[in-house]
PDB file of N, CA and C in Angstrom:
ATOM      1  N   UNK A   1       0.843  -1.182   0.000  1.00  0.00           N
ATOM      2  CA  UNK A   1       0.000   0.000   0.000  1.00  0.00           C
ATOM      3  C   UNK A   1       0.888   1.245   0.000  1.00  0.00           C
ATOM      4  N   UNK A   2       0.594   2.163  -0.882  1.00  0.00           N
ATOM      5  CA  UNK A   2       1.364   3.397  -0.965  1.00  0.00           C
ATOM      6  C   UNK A   2       0.925   4.338   0.149  1.00  0.00           C
ATOM      7  N   UNK A   3       1.905   4.865   0.864  1.00  0.00           N
ATOM      8  CA  UNK A   3       1.614   5.770   1.972  1.00  0.00           C
ATOM      9  C   UNK A   3       1.647   7.208   1.461  1.00  0.00           C
ATOM     10  N   UNK A   4       0.659   7.970   1.845  1.00  0.00           N
ATOM     11  CA  UNK A   4       0.588   9.355   1.387  1.00  0.00           C
ATOM     12  C   UNK A   4       0.887  10.305   2.535  1.00  0.00           C
ATOM     13  N   UNK A   5       1.255  11.511   2.181  1.00  0.00           N
ATOM     14  CA  UNK A   5       1.529  12.517   3.204  1.00  0.00           C
ATOM     15  C   UNK A   5       0.242  12.966   3.887  1.00  0.00           C
ATOM     16  N   UNK A   6      -0.885  12.893   3.175  1.00  0.00           N
ATOM     17  CA  UNK A   6      -2.165  13.229   3.796  1.00  0.00           C
ATOM     18  C   UNK A   6      -2.505  12.235   4.899  1.00  0.00           C
ATOM     19  N   UNK A   7      -2.280  10.963   4.645  1.00  0.00           N
ATOM     20  CA  UNK A   7      -2.551   9.939   5.663  1.00  0.00           C
ATOM     21  C   UNK A   7      -1.634  10.133   6.862  1.00  0.00           C
ATOM     22  N   UNK A   8      -0.372  10.475   6.614  1.00  0.00           N
ATOM     23  CA  UNK A   8       0.557  10.711   7.720  1.00  0.00           C
ATOM     24  C   UNK A   8       0.110  11.902   8.559  1.00  0.00           C
ATOM     25  N   UNK A   9      -0.275  12.995   7.905  1.00  0.00           N
ATOM     26  CA  UNK A   9      -0.744  14.179   8.633  1.00  0.00           C
ATOM     27  C   UNK A   9      -2.007  13.864   9.426  1.00  0.00           C
ATOM     28  N   UNK A  10      -2.886  13.057   8.861  1.00  0.00           N
ATOM     29  CA  UNK A  10      -4.104  12.662   9.563  1.00  0.00           C
ATOM     30  C   UNK A  10      -3.780  11.811  10.789  1.00  0.00           C
ATOM     31  N   UNK A  11      -2.860  10.873  10.655  1.00  0.00           N
ATOM     32  CA  UNK A  11      -2.450  10.052  11.794  1.00  0.00           C
ATOM     33  C   UNK A  11      -1.830  10.912  12.886  1.00  0.00           C
ATOM     34  N   UNK A  12      -0.966  11.853  12.507  1.00  0.00           N
ATOM     35  CA  UNK A  12      -0.327  12.729  13.493  1.00  0.00           C
ATOM     36  C   UNK A  12      -1.370  13.573  14.212  1.00  0.00           C
ATOM     37  N   UNK A  13      -2.294  14.143  13.467  1.00  0.00           N
ATOM     38  CA  UNK A  13      -3.339  14.968  14.072  1.00  0.00           C
ATOM     39  C   UNK A  13      -4.212  14.151  15.017  1.00  0.00           C
ATOM     40  N   UNK A  14      -4.605  12.959  14.595  1.00  0.00           N
ATOM     41  CA  UNK A  14      -5.436  12.110  15.447  1.00  0.00           C
ATOM     42  C   UNK A  14      -4.675  11.631  16.683  1.00  0.00           C
ATOM     43  N   UNK A  15      -3.383  11.372  16.545  1.00  0.00           N
ATOM     44  CA  UNK A  15      -2.576  10.971  17.695  1.00  0.00           C
ATOM     45  C   UNK A  15      -2.447  12.083  18.716  1.00  0.00           C
ATOM     46  N   UNK A  16      -2.211  13.303  18.242  1.00  0.00           N
ATOM     47  CA  UNK A  16      -2.133  14.445  19.152  1.00  0.00           C
ATOM     48  C   UNK A  16      -3.473  14.714  19.819  1.00  0.00           C
ATOM     49  N   UNK A  17      -4.541  14.587  19.057  1.00  0.00           N
ATOM     50  CA  UNK A  17      -5.878  14.794  19.609  1.00  0.00           C
ATOM     51  C   UNK A  17      -6.216  13.730  20.651  1.00  0.00           C
ATOM     52  N   UNK A  18      -5.892  12.483  20.372  1.00  0.00           N
ATOM     53  CA  UNK A  18      -6.157  11.406  21.334  1.00  0.00           C
ATOM     54  C   UNK A  18      -5.348  11.615  22.607  1.00  0.00           C
ATOM     55  N   UNK A  19      -4.085  12.013  22.476  1.00  0.00           N
ATOM     56  CA  UNK A  19      -3.267  12.288  23.656  1.00  0.00           C
ATOM     57  C   UNK A  19      -3.815  13.441  24.468  1.00  0.00           C
ATOM     58  N   UNK A  20      -4.333  14.447  23.795  1.00  0.00           N
ATOM     59  CA  UNK A  20      -4.920  15.591  24.490  1.00  0.00           C
ATOM     60  C   UNK A  20      -6.186  15.197  25.242  1.00  0.00           C
ATOM     61  N   UNK A  21      -7.018  14.377  24.624  1.00  0.00           N
ATOM     62  CA  UNK A  21      -8.257  13.939  25.285  1.00  0.00           C
ATOM     63  C   UNK A  21      -7.938  13.084  26.505  1.00  0.00           C
ATOM     64  N   UNK A  22      -6.988  12.171  26.368  1.00  0.00           N
ATOM     65  CA  UNK A  22      -6.597  11.344  27.514  1.00  0.00           C
ATOM     66  C   UNK A  22      -5.996  12.223  28.608  1.00  0.00           C
ATOM     67  N   UNK A  23      -5.234  13.233  28.224  1.00  0.00           N
ATOM     68  CA  UNK A  23      -4.665  14.156  29.203  1.00  0.00           C
ATOM     69  C   UNK A  23      -5.725  14.922  29.969  1.00  0.00           C
ATOM     70  N   UNK A  24      -6.776  15.336  29.289  1.00  0.00           N
ATOM     71  CA  UNK A  24      -7.861  16.032  29.977  1.00  0.00           C
ATOM     72  C   UNK A  24      -8.612  15.099  30.910  1.00  0.00           C
ATOM     73  N   UNK A  25      -8.778  13.849  30.516  1.00  0.00           N
ATOM     74  CA  UNK A  25      -9.472  12.891  31.372  1.00  0.00           C
ATOM     75  C   UNK A  25      -8.653  12.542  32.617  1.00  0.00           C
ATOM     76  N   UNK A  26      -7.332  12.512  32.478  1.00  0.00           N
ATOM     77  CA  UNK A  26      -6.474  12.148  33.599  1.00  0.00           C
ATOM     78  C   UNK A  26      -5.994  13.349  34.406  1.00  0.00           C
ATOM     79  N   UNK A  27      -6.417  14.547  34.059  1.00  0.00           N
ATOM     80  CA  UNK A  27      -5.958  15.749  34.763  1.00  0.00           C
ATOM     81  C   UNK A  27      -6.412  15.775  36.215  1.00  0.00           C
ATOM     82  N   UNK A  28      -7.510  15.124  36.529  1.00  0.00           N
ATOM     83  CA  UNK A  28      -8.024  15.132  37.899  1.00  0.00           C
ATOM     84  C   UNK A  28      -7.288  14.152  38.806  1.00  0.00           C
ATOM     85  N   UNK A  29      -6.472  13.285  38.249  1.00  0.00           N
ATOM     86  CA  UNK A  29      -5.741  12.299  39.055  1.00  0.00           C
ATOM     87  C   UNK A  29      -4.413  12.915  39.484  1.00  0.00           C
ATOM     88  N   UNK A  30      -4.229  13.198  40.784  1.00  0.00           N
ATOM     89  CA  UNK A  30      -3.020  13.900  41.214  1.00  0.00           C
ATOM     90  C   UNK A  30      -1.734  13.088  41.044  1.00  0.00           C
ATOM     91  N   UNK A  31      -1.810  11.770  41.108  1.00  0.00           N
ATOM     92  CA  UNK A  31      -0.585  10.974  40.980  1.00  0.00           C
ATOM     93  C   UNK A  31      -0.058  10.932  39.546  1.00  0.00           C
ATOM     94  N   UNK A  32      -0.888  11.298  38.578  1.00  0.00           N
ATOM     95  CA  UNK A  32      -0.470  11.308  37.175  1.00  0.00           C
ATOM     96  C   UNK A  32      -0.226  12.720  36.656  1.00  0.00           C
ATOM     97  N   UNK A  33       0.066  13.632  37.558  1.00  0.00           N
ATOM     98  CA  UNK A  33       0.247  15.023  37.138  1.00  0.00           C
ATOM     99  C   UNK A  33       1.463  15.205  36.236  1.00  0.00           C
ATOM    100  N   UNK A  34       2.454  14.319  36.335  1.00  0.00           N
ATOM    101  CA  UNK A  34       3.621  14.444  35.466  1.00  0.00           C
ATOM    102  C   UNK A  34       3.268  14.163  34.002  1.00  0.00           C
ATOM    103  N   UNK A  35       2.180  13.453  33.761  1.00  0.00           N
ATOM    104  CA  UNK A  35       1.742  13.194  32.393  1.00  0.00           C
ATOM    105  C   UNK A  35       0.904  14.327  31.822  1.00  0.00           C
ATOM    106  N   UNK A  36       0.221  15.060  32.695  1.00  0.00           N
ATOM    107  CA  UNK A  36      -0.737  16.063  32.227  1.00  0.00           C
ATOM    108  C   UNK A  36      -0.229  17.490  32.348  1.00  0.00           C
ATOM    109  N   UNK A  37       0.865  17.706  33.058  1.00  0.00           N
ATOM    110  CA  UNK A  37       1.433  19.048  33.168  1.00  0.00           C
ATOM    111  C   UNK A  37       2.369  19.266  31.987  1.00  0.00           C
ATOM    112  N   UNK A  38       2.198  20.363  31.309  1.00  0.00           N
ATOM    113  CA  UNK A  38       3.012  20.602  30.129  1.00  0.00           C
ATOM    114  C   UNK A  38       3.358  22.058  29.958  1.00  0.00           C
ATOM    115  N   UNK A  39       3.727  22.396  28.740  1.00  0.00           N
ATOM    116  CA  UNK A  39       4.103  23.763  28.414  1.00  0.00           C
ATOM    117  C   UNK A  39       3.123  24.321  27.388  1.00  0.00           C
ATOM    118  N   UNK A  40       3.024  25.630  27.373  1.00  0.00           N
ATOM    119  CA  UNK A  40       2.161  26.324  26.417  1.00  0.00           C
ATOM    120  C   UNK A  40       3.052  27.186  25.534  1.00  0.00           C
ATOM    121  N   UNK A  41       2.953  26.975  24.234  1.00  0.00           N
ATOM    122  CA  UNK A  41       3.672  27.787  23.262  1.00  0.00           C
ATOM    123  C   UNK A  41       2.662  28.665  22.545  1.00  0.00           C
ATOM    124  N   UNK A  42       2.935  29.966  22.497  1.00  0.00           N
ATOM    125  CA  UNK A  42       2.016  30.895  21.841  1.00  0.00           C
ATOM    126  C   UNK A  42       2.756  31.696  20.786  1.00  0.00           C
ATOM    127  N   UNK A  43       2.050  31.963  19.709  1.00  0.00           N
ATOM    128  CA  UNK A  43       2.567  32.815  18.645  1.00  0.00           C
ATOM    129  C   UNK A  43       1.424  33.704  18.202  1.00  0.00           C
ATOM    130  N   UNK A  44       1.651  34.993  18.204  1.00  0.00           N
ATOM    131  CA  UNK A  44       0.597  35.957  17.932  1.00  0.00           C
ATOM    132  C   UNK A  44       1.068  36.959  16.871  1.00  0.00           C
ATOM    133  N   UNK A  45       1.070  36.556  15.588  1.00  0.00           N
ATOM    134  CA  UNK A  45       1.508  37.488  14.549  1.00  0.00           C
ATOM    135  C   UNK A  45       0.416  38.511  14.212  1.00  0.00           C
ATOM    136  N   UNK A  46       0.860  39.732  13.968  1.00  0.00           N
ATOM    137  CA  UNK A  46      -0.050  40.812  13.583  1.00  0.00           C
ATOM    138  C   UNK A  46       0.543  41.532  12.373  1.00  0.00           C
ATOM    139  N   UNK A  47      -0.319  42.110  11.580  1.00  0.00           N
ATOM    140  CA  UNK A  47       0.133  42.939  10.466  1.00  0.00           C
ATOM    141  C   UNK A  47      -0.900  44.024  10.205  1.00  0.00           C
ATOM    142  N   UNK A  48      -0.412  45.227   9.978  1.00  0.00           N
ATOM    143  CA  UNK A  48      -1.274  46.342   9.596  1.00  0.00           C
ATOM    144  C   UNK A  48      -0.650  46.980   8.363  1.00  0.00           C
ATOM    145  N   UNK A  49      -1.235  46.711   7.212  1.00  0.00           N
ATOM    146  CA  UNK A  49      -0.701  47.194   5.950  1.00  0.00           C
ATOM    147  C   UNK A  49      -1.500  48.369   5.407  1.00  0.00           C
ATOM    148  N   UNK A  50      -2.299  48.997   6.240  1.00  0.00           N
ATOM    149  CA  UNK A  50      -3.164  50.134   5.936  1.00  0.00           C
ATOM    150  C   UNK A  50      -4.298  49.785   4.974  1.00  0.00           C
ATOM    151  N   UNK A  51      -4.183  48.714   4.254  1.00  0.00           N
ATOM    152  CA  UNK A  51      -5.260  48.237   3.395  1.00  0.00           C
ATOM    153  C   UNK A  51      -5.815  46.937   3.961  1.00  0.00           C
ATOM    154  N   UNK A  52      -4.919  46.159   4.496  1.00  0.00           N
ATOM    155  CA  UNK A  52      -5.270  44.855   5.050  1.00  0.00           C
ATOM    156  C   UNK A  52      -4.666  44.741   6.447  1.00  0.00           C
ATOM    157  N   UNK A  53      -5.468  44.299   7.368  1.00  0.00           N
ATOM    158  CA  UNK A  53      -4.990  44.120   8.737  1.00  0.00           C
ATOM    159  C   UNK A  53      -5.424  42.734   9.211  1.00  0.00           C
ATOM    160  N   UNK A  54      -4.486  42.022   9.819  1.00  0.00           N
ATOM    161  CA  UNK A  54      -4.866  40.718  10.366  1.00  0.00           C
ATOM    162  C   UNK A  54      -4.183  40.497  11.704  1.00  0.00           C
ATOM    163  N   UNK A  55      -4.795  39.633  12.453  1.00  0.00           N
ATOM    164  CA  UNK A  55      -4.342  39.303  13.794  1.00  0.00           C
ATOM    165  C   UNK A  55      -4.676  37.829  14.025  1.00  0.00           C
ATOM    166  N   UNK A  56      -3.660  37.010  14.177  1.00  0.00           N
ATOM    167  CA  UNK A  56      -3.853  35.565  14.320  1.00  0.00           C
ATOM    168  C   UNK A  56      -3.255  35.130  15.651  1.00  0.00           C
ATOM    169  N   UNK A  57      -3.890  34.162  16.293  1.00  0.00           N
ATOM    170  CA  UNK A  57      -3.408  33.664  17.573  1.00  0.00           C
ATOM    171  C   UNK A  57      -3.274  32.148  17.485  1.00  0.00           C
ATOM    172  N   UNK A  58      -2.059  31.650  17.685  1.00  0.00           N
ATOM    173  CA  UNK A  58      -1.800  30.215  17.736  1.00  0.00           C
ATOM    174  C   UNK A  58      -1.370  29.853  19.146  1.00  0.00           C
ATOM    175  N   UNK A  59      -1.952  28.799  19.690  1.00  0.00           N
ATOM    176  CA  UNK A  59      -1.567  28.318  21.020  1.00  0.00           C
ATOM    177  C   UNK A  59      -1.432  26.803  20.960  1.00  0.00           C
ATOM    178  N   UNK A  60      -0.272  26.329  21.354  1.00  0.00           N
ATOM    179  CA  UNK A  60      -0.002  24.899  21.411  1.00  0.00           C
ATOM    180  C   UNK A  60       0.224  24.516  22.859  1.00  0.00           C
ATOM    181  N   UNK A  61      -0.520  23.538  23.329  1.00  0.00           N
ATOM    182  CA  UNK A  61      -0.328  23.003  24.676  1.00  0.00           C
ATOM    183  C   UNK A  61       0.238  21.600  24.528  1.00  0.00           C
ATOM    184  N   UNK A  62       1.459  21.428  24.955  1.00  0.00           N
ATOM    185  CA  UNK A  62       2.125  20.143  24.820  1.00  0.00           C
ATOM    186  C   UNK A  62       2.380  19.544  26.197  1.00  0.00           C
ATOM    187  N   UNK A  63       2.019  18.282  26.348  1.00  0.00           N
ATOM    188  CA  UNK A  63       2.366  17.544  27.546  1.00  0.00           C
ATOM    189  C   UNK A  63       2.772  16.142  27.132  1.00  0.00           C
ATOM    190  N   UNK A  64       3.185  15.358  28.087  1.00  0.00           N
ATOM    191  CA  UNK A  64       3.750  14.050  27.785  1.00  0.00           C
ATOM    192  C   UNK A  64       2.753  13.132  27.083  1.00  0.00           C
ATOM    193  N   UNK A  65       1.491  13.219  27.433  1.00  0.00           N
ATOM    194  CA  UNK A  65       0.495  12.363  26.784  1.00  0.00           C
ATOM    195  C   UNK A  65       0.292  12.737  25.318  1.00  0.00           C
ATOM    196  N   UNK A  66       0.443  14.019  24.976  1.00  0.00           N
ATOM    197  CA  UNK A  66       0.398  14.408  23.563  1.00  0.00           C
ATOM    198  C   UNK A  66       1.531  13.737  22.789  1.00  0.00           C
ATOM    199  N   UNK A  67       2.713  13.774  23.379  1.00  0.00           N
ATOM    200  CA  UNK A  67       3.861  13.173  22.705  1.00  0.00           C
ATOM    201  C   UNK A  67       3.723  11.658  22.602  1.00  0.00           C
ATOM    202  N   UNK A  68       3.169  11.026  23.635  1.00  0.00           N
ATOM    203  CA  UNK A  68       2.929   9.583  23.564  1.00  0.00           C
ATOM    204  C   UNK A  68       1.894   9.252  22.488  1.00  0.00           C
ATOM    205  N   UNK A  69       0.857  10.064  22.377  1.00  0.00           N
ATOM    206  CA  UNK A  69      -0.131   9.878  21.314  1.00  0.00           C
ATOM    207  C   UNK A  69       0.483  10.066  19.942  1.00  0.00           C
ATOM    208  N   UNK A  70       1.375  11.037  19.820  1.00  0.00           N
ATOM    209  CA  UNK A  70       2.067  11.278  18.554  1.00  0.00           C
ATOM    210  C   UNK A  70       2.940  10.085  18.178  1.00  0.00           C
ATOM    211  N   UNK A  71       3.710   9.584  19.138  1.00  0.00           N
ATOM    212  CA  UNK A  71       4.565   8.430  18.866  1.00  0.00           C
ATOM    213  C   UNK A  71       3.745   7.191  18.511  1.00  0.00           C
ATOM    214  N   UNK A  72       2.624   7.000  19.191  1.00  0.00           N
ATOM    215  CA  UNK A  72       1.751   5.869  18.881  1.00  0.00           C
ATOM    216  C   UNK A  72       1.171   6.003  17.472  1.00  0.00           C
ATOM    217  N   UNK A  73       0.792   7.217  17.090  1.00  0.00           N
ATOM    218  CA  UNK A  73       0.234   7.438  15.752  1.00  0.00           C
ATOM    219  C   UNK A  73       1.282   7.177  14.669  1.00  0.00           C
ATOM    220  N   UNK A  74       2.512   7.602  14.898  1.00  0.00           N
ATOM    221  CA  UNK A  74       3.576   7.346  13.924  1.00  0.00           C
ATOM    222  C   UNK A  74       3.853   5.851  13.831  1.00  0.00           C
ATOM    223  N   UNK A  75       3.842   5.166  14.966  1.00  0.00           N
ATOM    224  CA  UNK A  75       4.035   3.717  14.971  1.00  0.00           C
ATOM    225  C   UNK A  75       2.919   3.021  14.191  1.00  0.00           C
ATOM    226  N   UNK A  76       1.676   3.451  14.408  1.00  0.00           N
ATOM    227  CA  UNK A  76       0.548   2.860  13.688  1.00  0.00           C
ATOM    228  C   UNK A  76       0.651   3.131  12.182  1.00  0.00           C
ATOM    229  N   UNK A  77       1.096   4.327  11.815  1.00  0.00           N
ATOM    230  CA  UNK A  77       1.244   4.666  10.399  1.00  0.00           C
ATOM    231  C   UNK A  77       2.300   3.777   9.737  1.00  0.00           C
ATOM    232  N   UNK A  78       3.375   3.537  10.451  1.00  0.00           N
ATOM    233  CA  UNK A  78       4.439   2.696   9.895  1.00  0.00           C
ATOM    234  C   UNK A  78       4.007   1.247   9.759  1.00  0.00           C
ATOM    235  N   UNK A  79       3.035   0.831  10.583  1.00  0.00           N
ATOM    236  CA  UNK A  79       2.529  -0.538  10.507  1.00  0.00           C
ATOM    237  C   UNK A  79       1.607  -0.748   9.306  1.00  0.00           C
ATOM    238  N   UNK A  80       1.120   0.323   8.699  1.00  0.00           N
ATOM    239  CA  UNK A  80       0.230   0.188   7.533  1.00  0.00           C
ATOM    240  C   UNK A  80       0.929  -0.496   6.370  1.00  0.00           C
TER     241      UNK A  80
END
């Protein structure tokens, strides 16, 4: 089976999403806080060109469960 970049991007996105959902479900468990505590990366580009103005906000929340979901998704993709 030929592997496409769209399928890889879909697997990565689903892996990150699954890790995020599991992280939210386990956030209430204090003994697993090392899995759910992470970092927040923000990027806020702005431009005012007098004709066109835009303001975009990107926020990435990364924790260990996101990375585990990502690694699992890549492993599953390679198994295809």
